[in-house]
């Protein structure tokens, strides 16, 4: 096993920052639109794929929410999740914590149960048919009022046994984490794990807020932490995981290109970094493409790639026994690869 792409392809990994709605490829979008009788403003799959280009986060979100309109029935959510999980298997992703945005669906009249039932059924089938384990994290849309998030959380409580945690996503600017203090307190009291997007397009201060006000256990993105030396020291000292998404950062103009991505500095500062694909249908690559992009851009040795893979399991919301078993798979792979 001498080639880099082959090494990355076989490397056991977890993915912790993946929006299931962001895996909606144009082909599936067109198929679901036809099944549900929904007219699209694009004449072909090729025209839609060409539209998967945008100048910034807001431009992406406009397209992202437009595409969601084809997700109507439980089977649609099953098909969406199953498509990602099949891809995950090809990328040797052994475990995934999958974000979903219920408010984007319920506000369109889609029952919450249809969303959760479809996603969870696909996860259960993937466990038996693909050998992949996955769990769900319910995310609140930060550009909506906190009361809406609270109502969504209450509606989700009957499904508590199928939801691992809660998160915070969507447009960061002007929507500080502290806006959602009450709903995160309620979620923690109900026993949910907590994560939050912070420090992507928003300032480093949002990362500190997510930790102090929301008590987030992981920070999604977090790349702007480097603007605050004390925050970097805190993240390193407390070993707070950062779920970094390199290709997403490029496509959303967080960085001008992959060569300017802060990953090497994050690692040099001793931060607990994982690699993830975010919204891969829109950002030009799934997890292996993200590994490949940074490996080539920064000439990362295999040892570092294996460290990133170990981090992905160690940062997961798994018990210590399961973490150790997954990390042992990475260790064995590294040893066998030489």
Protein backbone atom coordinates (compact mmCIF):
# COMPACT_ATOMS: atom_id res chain seq x y z
CA UNK A 1 0.00 0.00 0.00
CA UNK A 2 2.20 2.78 -1.26
CA UNK A 3 -0.13 5.39 -2.73
CA UNK A 4 -1.60 8.12 -0.56
CA UNK A 5 -5.14 7.81 -1.94
CA UNK A 6 -5.17 4.09 -1.23
CA UNK A 7 -3.89 4.63 2.29
CA UNK A 8 -6.61 7.21 3.02
CA UNK A 9 -9.30 5.02 1.45
CA UNK A 10 -8.49 2.15 3.80
CA UNK A 11 -7.96 4.23 6.93
CA UNK A 12 -10.73 3.54 9.52
CA UNK A 13 -12.50 6.79 10.39
CA UNK A 14 -15.42 8.41 12.16
CA UNK A 15 -17.31 11.45 10.88
CA UNK A 16 -18.67 13.88 13.45
CA UNK A 17 -19.67 16.93 11.40
CA UNK A 18 -22.02 15.88 8.63
CA UNK A 19 -25.34 17.53 7.78
CA UNK A 20 -27.53 14.85 6.23
CA UNK A 21 -29.39 17.45 4.18
CA UNK A 22 -26.02 18.49 2.81
CA UNK A 23 -25.53 15.06 1.22
CA UNK A 24 -28.44 15.63 -1.20
CA UNK A 25 -26.77 15.02 -4.55
CA UNK A 26 -28.44 16.48 -7.67
CA UNK A 27 -29.39 13.03 -8.97
CA UNK A 28 -31.29 12.13 -5.80
CA UNK A 29 -32.79 15.62 -5.60
CA UNK A 30 -34.21 15.23 -9.10
CA UNK A 31 -35.50 11.72 -8.34
CA UNK A 32 -37.28 12.86 -5.17
CA UNK A 33 -38.73 15.90 -6.93
CA UNK A 34 -40.22 13.61 -9.58
CA UNK A 35 -41.54 11.18 -6.99
CA UNK A 36 -43.22 13.96 -5.03
CA UNK A 37 -44.47 15.99 -7.99
CA UNK A 38 -42.29 19.01 -7.22
CA UNK A 39 -41.21 21.32 -10.03
CA UNK A 40 -37.58 22.41 -9.97
CA UNK A 41 -36.19 25.65 -11.45
CA UNK A 42 -33.48 23.64 -13.24
CA UNK A 43 -33.92 21.78 -16.56
CA UNK A 44 -31.46 18.99 -15.77
CA UNK A 45 -29.18 17.38 -13.23
CA UNK A 46 -26.24 19.07 -14.94
CA UNK A 47 -27.83 22.52 -14.62
CA UNK A 48 -28.51 21.92 -10.94
CA UNK A 49 -24.95 20.73 -10.34
CA UNK A 50 -23.70 23.92 -11.97
CA UNK A 51 -25.81 25.86 -9.45
CA UNK A 52 -23.94 24.14 -6.61
CA UNK A 53 -21.58 27.11 -6.64
CA UNK A 54 -22.04 30.06 -4.34
CA UNK A 55 -20.01 33.04 -3.09
CA UNK A 56 -20.48 32.60 0.67
CA UNK A 57 -22.39 30.84 3.46
CA UNK A 58 -25.62 32.71 2.82
CA UNK A 59 -25.54 31.86 -0.88
CA UNK A 60 -25.04 28.22 0.04
CA UNK A 61 -27.87 28.29 2.57
CA UNK A 62 -30.29 29.75 0.02
CA UNK A 63 -29.63 26.81 -2.32
CA UNK A 64 -29.50 24.31 0.55
CA UNK A 65 -32.97 25.19 1.85
CA UNK A 66 -34.40 25.28 -1.66
CA UNK A 67 -33.18 21.74 -2.24
CA UNK A 68 -34.78 20.51 0.98
CA UNK A 69 -38.24 21.07 -0.48
CA UNK A 70 -38.06 17.66 -2.18
CA UNK A 71 -37.86 15.93 1.22
CA UNK A 72 -41.49 15.29 2.09
CA UNK A 73 -42.13 11.71 3.19
CA UNK A 74 -40.47 9.31 5.61
CA UNK A 75 -39.09 7.34 2.66
CA UNK A 76 -37.39 10.47 1.31
CA UNK A 77 -35.41 10.84 4.52
CA UNK A 78 -34.60 7.14 4.48
CA UNK A 79 -33.29 7.37 0.93
CA UNK A 80 -31.25 10.46 1.78
CA UNK A 81 -29.60 8.84 4.80
CA UNK A 82 -29.10 5.51 3.04
CA UNK A 83 -27.31 7.21 0.16
CA UNK A 84 -24.86 8.87 2.58
CA UNK A 85 -24.33 5.69 4.57
CA UNK A 86 -23.48 3.73 1.43
CA UNK A 87 -20.94 6.43 0.56
CA UNK A 88 -19.61 6.35 4.11
CA UNK A 89 -19.01 2.62 3.80
CA UNK A 90 -16.94 3.19 0.67
CA UNK A 91 -14.89 5.76 2.59
CA UNK A 92 -14.32 3.28 5.43
CA UNK A 93 -16.25 5.44 7.88
CA UNK A 94 -17.08 3.02 10.67
CA UNK A 95 -19.07 5.43 12.83
CA UNK A 96 -20.92 8.69 12.15
CA UNK A 97 -22.77 11.26 14.20
CA UNK A 98 -25.22 12.78 11.74
CA UNK A 99 -26.72 16.26 12.05
CA UNK A 100 -30.27 16.95 10.91
CA UNK A 101 -32.30 20.18 10.83
CA UNK A 102 -35.89 19.42 11.89
CA UNK A 103 -37.04 23.06 11.80
CA UNK A 104 -36.24 23.25 8.09
CA UNK A 105 -38.75 20.44 7.57
CA UNK A 106 -41.48 21.01 10.15
CA UNK A 107 -41.93 24.61 9.05
CA UNK A 108 -42.79 23.18 5.61
CA UNK A 109 -45.45 20.96 7.16
CA UNK A 110 -43.39 17.77 7.28
CA UNK A 111 -44.13 15.85 10.51
CA UNK A 112 -41.13 15.52 12.82
CA UNK A 113 -41.83 11.81 13.17
CA UNK A 114 -41.44 11.33 9.40
CA UNK A 115 -37.98 12.93 9.54
CA UNK A 116 -36.73 10.95 12.53
CA UNK A 117 -38.34 7.67 11.52
CA UNK A 118 -36.85 7.80 8.02
CA UNK A 119 -33.36 8.71 9.19
CA UNK A 120 -33.35 6.21 12.03
CA UNK A 121 -34.63 3.36 9.86
CA UNK A 122 -31.76 3.92 7.43
CA UNK A 123 -29.28 3.95 10.30
CA UNK A 124 -30.68 0.68 11.65
CA UNK A 125 -30.47 -0.95 8.22
CA UNK A 126 -26.90 0.32 7.74
CA UNK A 127 -25.91 -1.31 10.99
CA UNK A 128 -27.03 -4.73 9.81
CA UNK A 129 -26.37 -4.48 6.07
CA UNK A 130 -23.31 -2.23 5.86
CA UNK A 131 -21.64 -2.70 9.22
CA UNK A 132 -21.72 1.03 9.96
CA UNK A 133 -22.83 2.51 13.24
CA UNK A 134 -24.43 5.97 13.24
CA UNK A 135 -26.38 8.21 15.59
CA UNK A 136 -28.41 11.42 15.18
CA UNK A 137 -27.76 14.94 16.47
CA UNK A 138 -30.69 17.34 16.23
CA UNK A 139 -29.56 20.84 15.26
CA UNK A 140 -31.34 24.13 15.90
CA UNK A 141 -31.31 26.83 13.23
CA UNK A 142 -29.65 29.84 14.82
CA UNK A 143 -31.35 32.38 12.52
CA UNK A 144 -34.74 31.39 14.01
CA UNK A 145 -35.95 32.51 17.47
CA UNK A 146 -34.97 30.49 20.52
CA UNK A 147 -38.65 29.88 21.29
CA UNK A 148 -38.89 27.96 18.02
CA UNK A 149 -35.90 25.87 19.07
CA UNK A 150 -37.50 25.21 22.46
CA UNK A 151 -40.72 24.04 20.79
CA UNK A 152 -38.68 21.77 18.50
CA UNK A 153 -36.85 20.27 21.46
CA UNK A 154 -40.09 19.58 23.30
CA UNK A 155 -41.53 17.92 20.19
CA UNK A 156 -38.40 15.76 19.93
CA UNK A 157 -38.46 14.49 23.52
CA UNK A 158 -40.76 11.54 22.74
CA UNK A 159 -38.00 10.41 20.34
CA UNK A 160 -35.30 10.83 22.98
CA UNK A 161 -33.97 7.28 22.66
CA UNK A 162 -33.14 7.85 18.97
CA UNK A 163 -31.37 11.21 19.32
CA UNK A 164 -27.84 11.40 20.72
CA UNK A 165 -27.48 15.14 21.18
CA UNK A 166 -28.33 18.64 20.04
CA UNK A 167 -26.35 21.18 18.04
CA UNK A 168 -26.51 24.70 16.66
CA UNK A 169 -26.00 25.50 12.98
CA UNK A 170 -26.94 27.79 10.05
CA UNK A 171 -25.91 31.44 9.56
CA UNK A 172 -23.51 32.42 12.33
CA UNK A 173 -23.23 36.18 11.84
CA UNK A 174 -25.48 38.12 14.19
CA UNK A 175 -26.63 34.98 16.02
CA UNK A 176 -24.38 34.52 19.03
CA UNK A 177 -24.52 31.23 20.92
CA UNK A 178 -25.86 32.94 24.03
CA UNK A 179 -29.15 33.46 22.15
CA UNK A 180 -29.81 29.74 22.76
CA UNK A 181 -28.84 29.44 26.42
CA UNK A 182 -32.27 28.29 27.60
CA UNK A 183 -32.80 25.58 24.99
CA UNK A 184 -29.33 24.12 25.58
CA UNK A 185 -29.93 24.10 29.34
CA UNK A 186 -33.18 22.24 28.74
CA UNK A 187 -31.44 19.79 26.41
CA UNK A 188 -28.68 19.08 28.91
CA UNK A 189 -31.27 18.49 31.63
CA UNK A 190 -32.92 15.94 29.32
CA UNK A 191 -29.60 14.13 28.96
CA UNK A 192 -28.55 15.19 25.45
CA UNK A 193 -24.94 15.71 24.42
CA UNK A 194 -24.24 19.24 23.15
CA UNK A 195 -22.26 20.62 20.22
CA UNK A 196 -22.31 23.98 18.45
CA UNK A 197 -21.05 25.61 15.27
CA UNK A 198 -18.80 28.49 16.26
CA UNK A 199 -15.78 30.32 14.96
CA UNK A 200 -16.34 29.65 11.26
CA UNK A 201 -17.71 32.93 9.88
CA UNK A 202 -18.33 34.18 13.42
CA UNK A 203 -15.59 35.46 15.74
CA UNK A 204 -13.47 33.52 18.19
CA UNK A 205 -15.62 34.98 20.97
CA UNK A 206 -18.48 32.79 19.76
CA UNK A 207 -16.39 29.71 20.56
CA UNK A 208 -15.93 30.86 24.15
CA UNK A 209 -19.66 31.60 24.38
CA UNK A 210 -20.52 28.13 23.09
CA UNK A 211 -18.33 26.62 25.80
CA UNK A 212 -19.38 28.88 28.67
CA UNK A 213 -23.05 29.52 27.91
CA UNK A 214 -24.14 26.42 26.01
CA UNK A 215 -21.62 24.06 27.67
CA UNK A 216 -20.85 22.60 24.26
CA UNK A 217 -18.79 19.43 24.49
CA UNK A 218 -17.42 19.86 20.95
CA UNK A 219 -16.97 22.88 18.70
CA UNK A 220 -17.99 22.48 15.08
CA UNK A 221 -15.49 24.28 12.82
CA UNK A 222 -13.71 26.48 15.40
CA UNK A 223 -10.97 27.52 12.97
CA UNK A 224 -11.05 31.15 14.08
CA UNK A 225 -9.92 30.17 17.58
CA UNK A 226 -6.43 31.11 16.41
CA UNK A 227 -7.41 34.77 16.72
CA UNK A 228 -7.43 34.41 20.53
CA UNK A 229 -4.28 33.07 22.14
CA UNK A 230 -5.95 32.45 25.50
CA UNK A 231 -8.78 30.55 23.84
CA UNK A 232 -6.30 28.35 21.98
CA UNK A 233 -4.55 27.55 25.25
CA UNK A 234 -7.90 26.68 26.83
CA UNK A 235 -8.98 24.43 23.96
CA UNK A 236 -5.64 22.59 24.09
CA UNK A 237 -5.63 22.30 27.88
CA UNK A 238 -9.22 21.01 28.10
CA UNK A 239 -8.88 18.90 24.95
CA UNK A 240 -12.04 20.30 23.40
CA UNK A 241 -12.59 18.62 20.03
CA UNK A 242 -12.82 20.76 16.89
CA UNK A 243 -14.70 19.20 13.98
CA UNK A 244 -12.85 20.90 11.14
CA UNK A 245 -14.14 20.77 7.53
CA UNK A 246 -11.37 21.88 5.14
CA UNK A 247 -13.17 21.76 1.78
CA UNK A 248 -16.17 23.50 3.32
CA UNK A 249 -13.91 26.27 4.58
CA UNK A 250 -12.60 26.79 1.06
CA UNK A 251 -15.98 26.73 -0.67
CA UNK A 252 -17.49 29.17 1.84
CA UNK A 253 -14.50 31.52 1.58
CA UNK A 254 -13.45 31.10 5.19
CA UNK A 255 -10.00 30.65 3.66
CA UNK A 256 -8.98 31.64 0.10
CA UNK A 257 -7.72 28.17 -0.81
CA UNK A 258 -6.61 24.92 0.79
CA UNK A 259 -3.00 26.10 0.99
CA UNK A 260 -4.12 28.82 3.41
CA UNK A 261 -6.12 26.51 5.65
CA UNK A 262 -5.09 26.76 9.33
CA UNK A 263 -4.99 23.00 9.90
CA UNK A 264 -1.19 22.83 10.29
CA UNK A 265 -1.26 25.60 12.90
CA UNK A 266 -4.16 24.00 14.73
CA UNK A 267 -2.17 20.79 14.96
CA UNK A 268 1.03 22.60 15.89
CA UNK A 269 -0.79 24.29 18.78
CA UNK A 270 -1.77 20.89 20.15
CA UNK A 271 -5.49 21.19 19.42
CA UNK A 272 -7.80 18.18 19.31
CA UNK A 273 -8.70 18.27 15.61
CA UNK A 274 -10.92 15.95 13.60
CA UNK A 275 -11.59 16.05 9.84
CA UNK A 276 -15.11 16.03 8.42
CA UNK A 277 -17.01 16.83 5.22
CA UNK A 278 -19.85 19.11 6.48
CA UNK A 279 -22.17 19.32 3.41
CA UNK A 280 -20.25 17.19 0.91
CA UNK A 281 -22.73 17.28 -1.97
CA UNK A 282 -22.29 21.04 -2.09
CA UNK A 283 -18.64 21.40 -1.07
CA UNK A 284 -16.90 19.16 -3.57
CA UNK A 285 -15.97 16.12 -1.55
CA UNK A 286 -16.80 13.54 1.10
CA UNK A 287 -14.50 12.59 3.95
CA UNK A 288 -11.71 10.93 1.96
CA UNK A 289 -11.48 13.96 -0.33
CA UNK A 290 -11.02 16.17 2.73
CA UNK A 291 -8.23 13.94 4.02
CA UNK A 292 -6.63 13.91 0.58
CA UNK A 293 -6.84 17.68 0.15
CA UNK A 294 -4.97 18.47 3.36
CA UNK A 295 -2.55 15.54 3.00
CA UNK A 296 -1.44 16.84 -0.39
CA UNK A 297 -1.52 20.54 0.48
CA UNK A 298 0.64 20.13 3.59
CA UNK A 299 2.55 16.92 2.84
CA UNK A 300 1.09 15.34 5.96
CA UNK A 301 2.79 12.09 6.95
CA UNK A 302 0.74 8.95 7.44
CA UNK A 303 1.36 9.24 11.16
CA UNK A 304 -0.56 12.54 11.23
CA UNK A 305 -3.40 11.11 9.14
CA UNK A 306 -3.70 8.25 11.61
CA UNK A 307 -3.71 10.72 14.50
CA UNK A 308 -6.60 12.57 12.88
CA UNK A 309 -8.46 9.28 12.45
CA UNK A 310 -7.84 8.32 16.09
CA UNK A 311 -9.05 11.76 17.14
CA UNK A 312 -12.30 11.21 15.26
CA UNK A 313 -13.12 8.18 17.40
CA UNK A 314 -11.83 9.66 20.64
CA UNK A 315 -13.96 12.80 20.13
CA UNK A 316 -17.12 10.78 19.46
CA UNK A 317 -19.91 10.37 21.99
CA UNK A 318 -19.05 6.74 22.61
CA UNK A 319 -18.14 4.88 25.77
CA UNK A 320 -14.49 4.23 26.51
CA UNK A 321 -14.69 0.58 25.50
CA UNK A 322 -16.06 1.38 22.06
CA UNK A 323 -13.54 4.19 21.57
CA UNK A 324 -10.67 1.87 22.45
CA UNK A 325 -11.92 -0.77 20.02
CA UNK A 326 -12.12 1.71 17.14
CA UNK A 327 -8.73 3.24 17.96
CA UNK A 328 -7.24 -0.24 17.96
CA UNK A 329 -8.44 -0.65 14.37
CA UNK A 330 -6.55 2.50 13.40
CA UNK A 331 -3.45 1.26 15.23
CA UNK A 332 -3.62 -2.09 13.47
CA UNK A 333 -4.09 -0.44 10.08
CA UNK A 334 -1.12 1.86 10.62
CA UNK A 335 1.06 -1.06 11.65
CA UNK A 336 -0.01 -3.19 8.70
CA UNK A 337 0.57 -0.33 6.27
CA UNK A 338 4.14 0.01 7.49
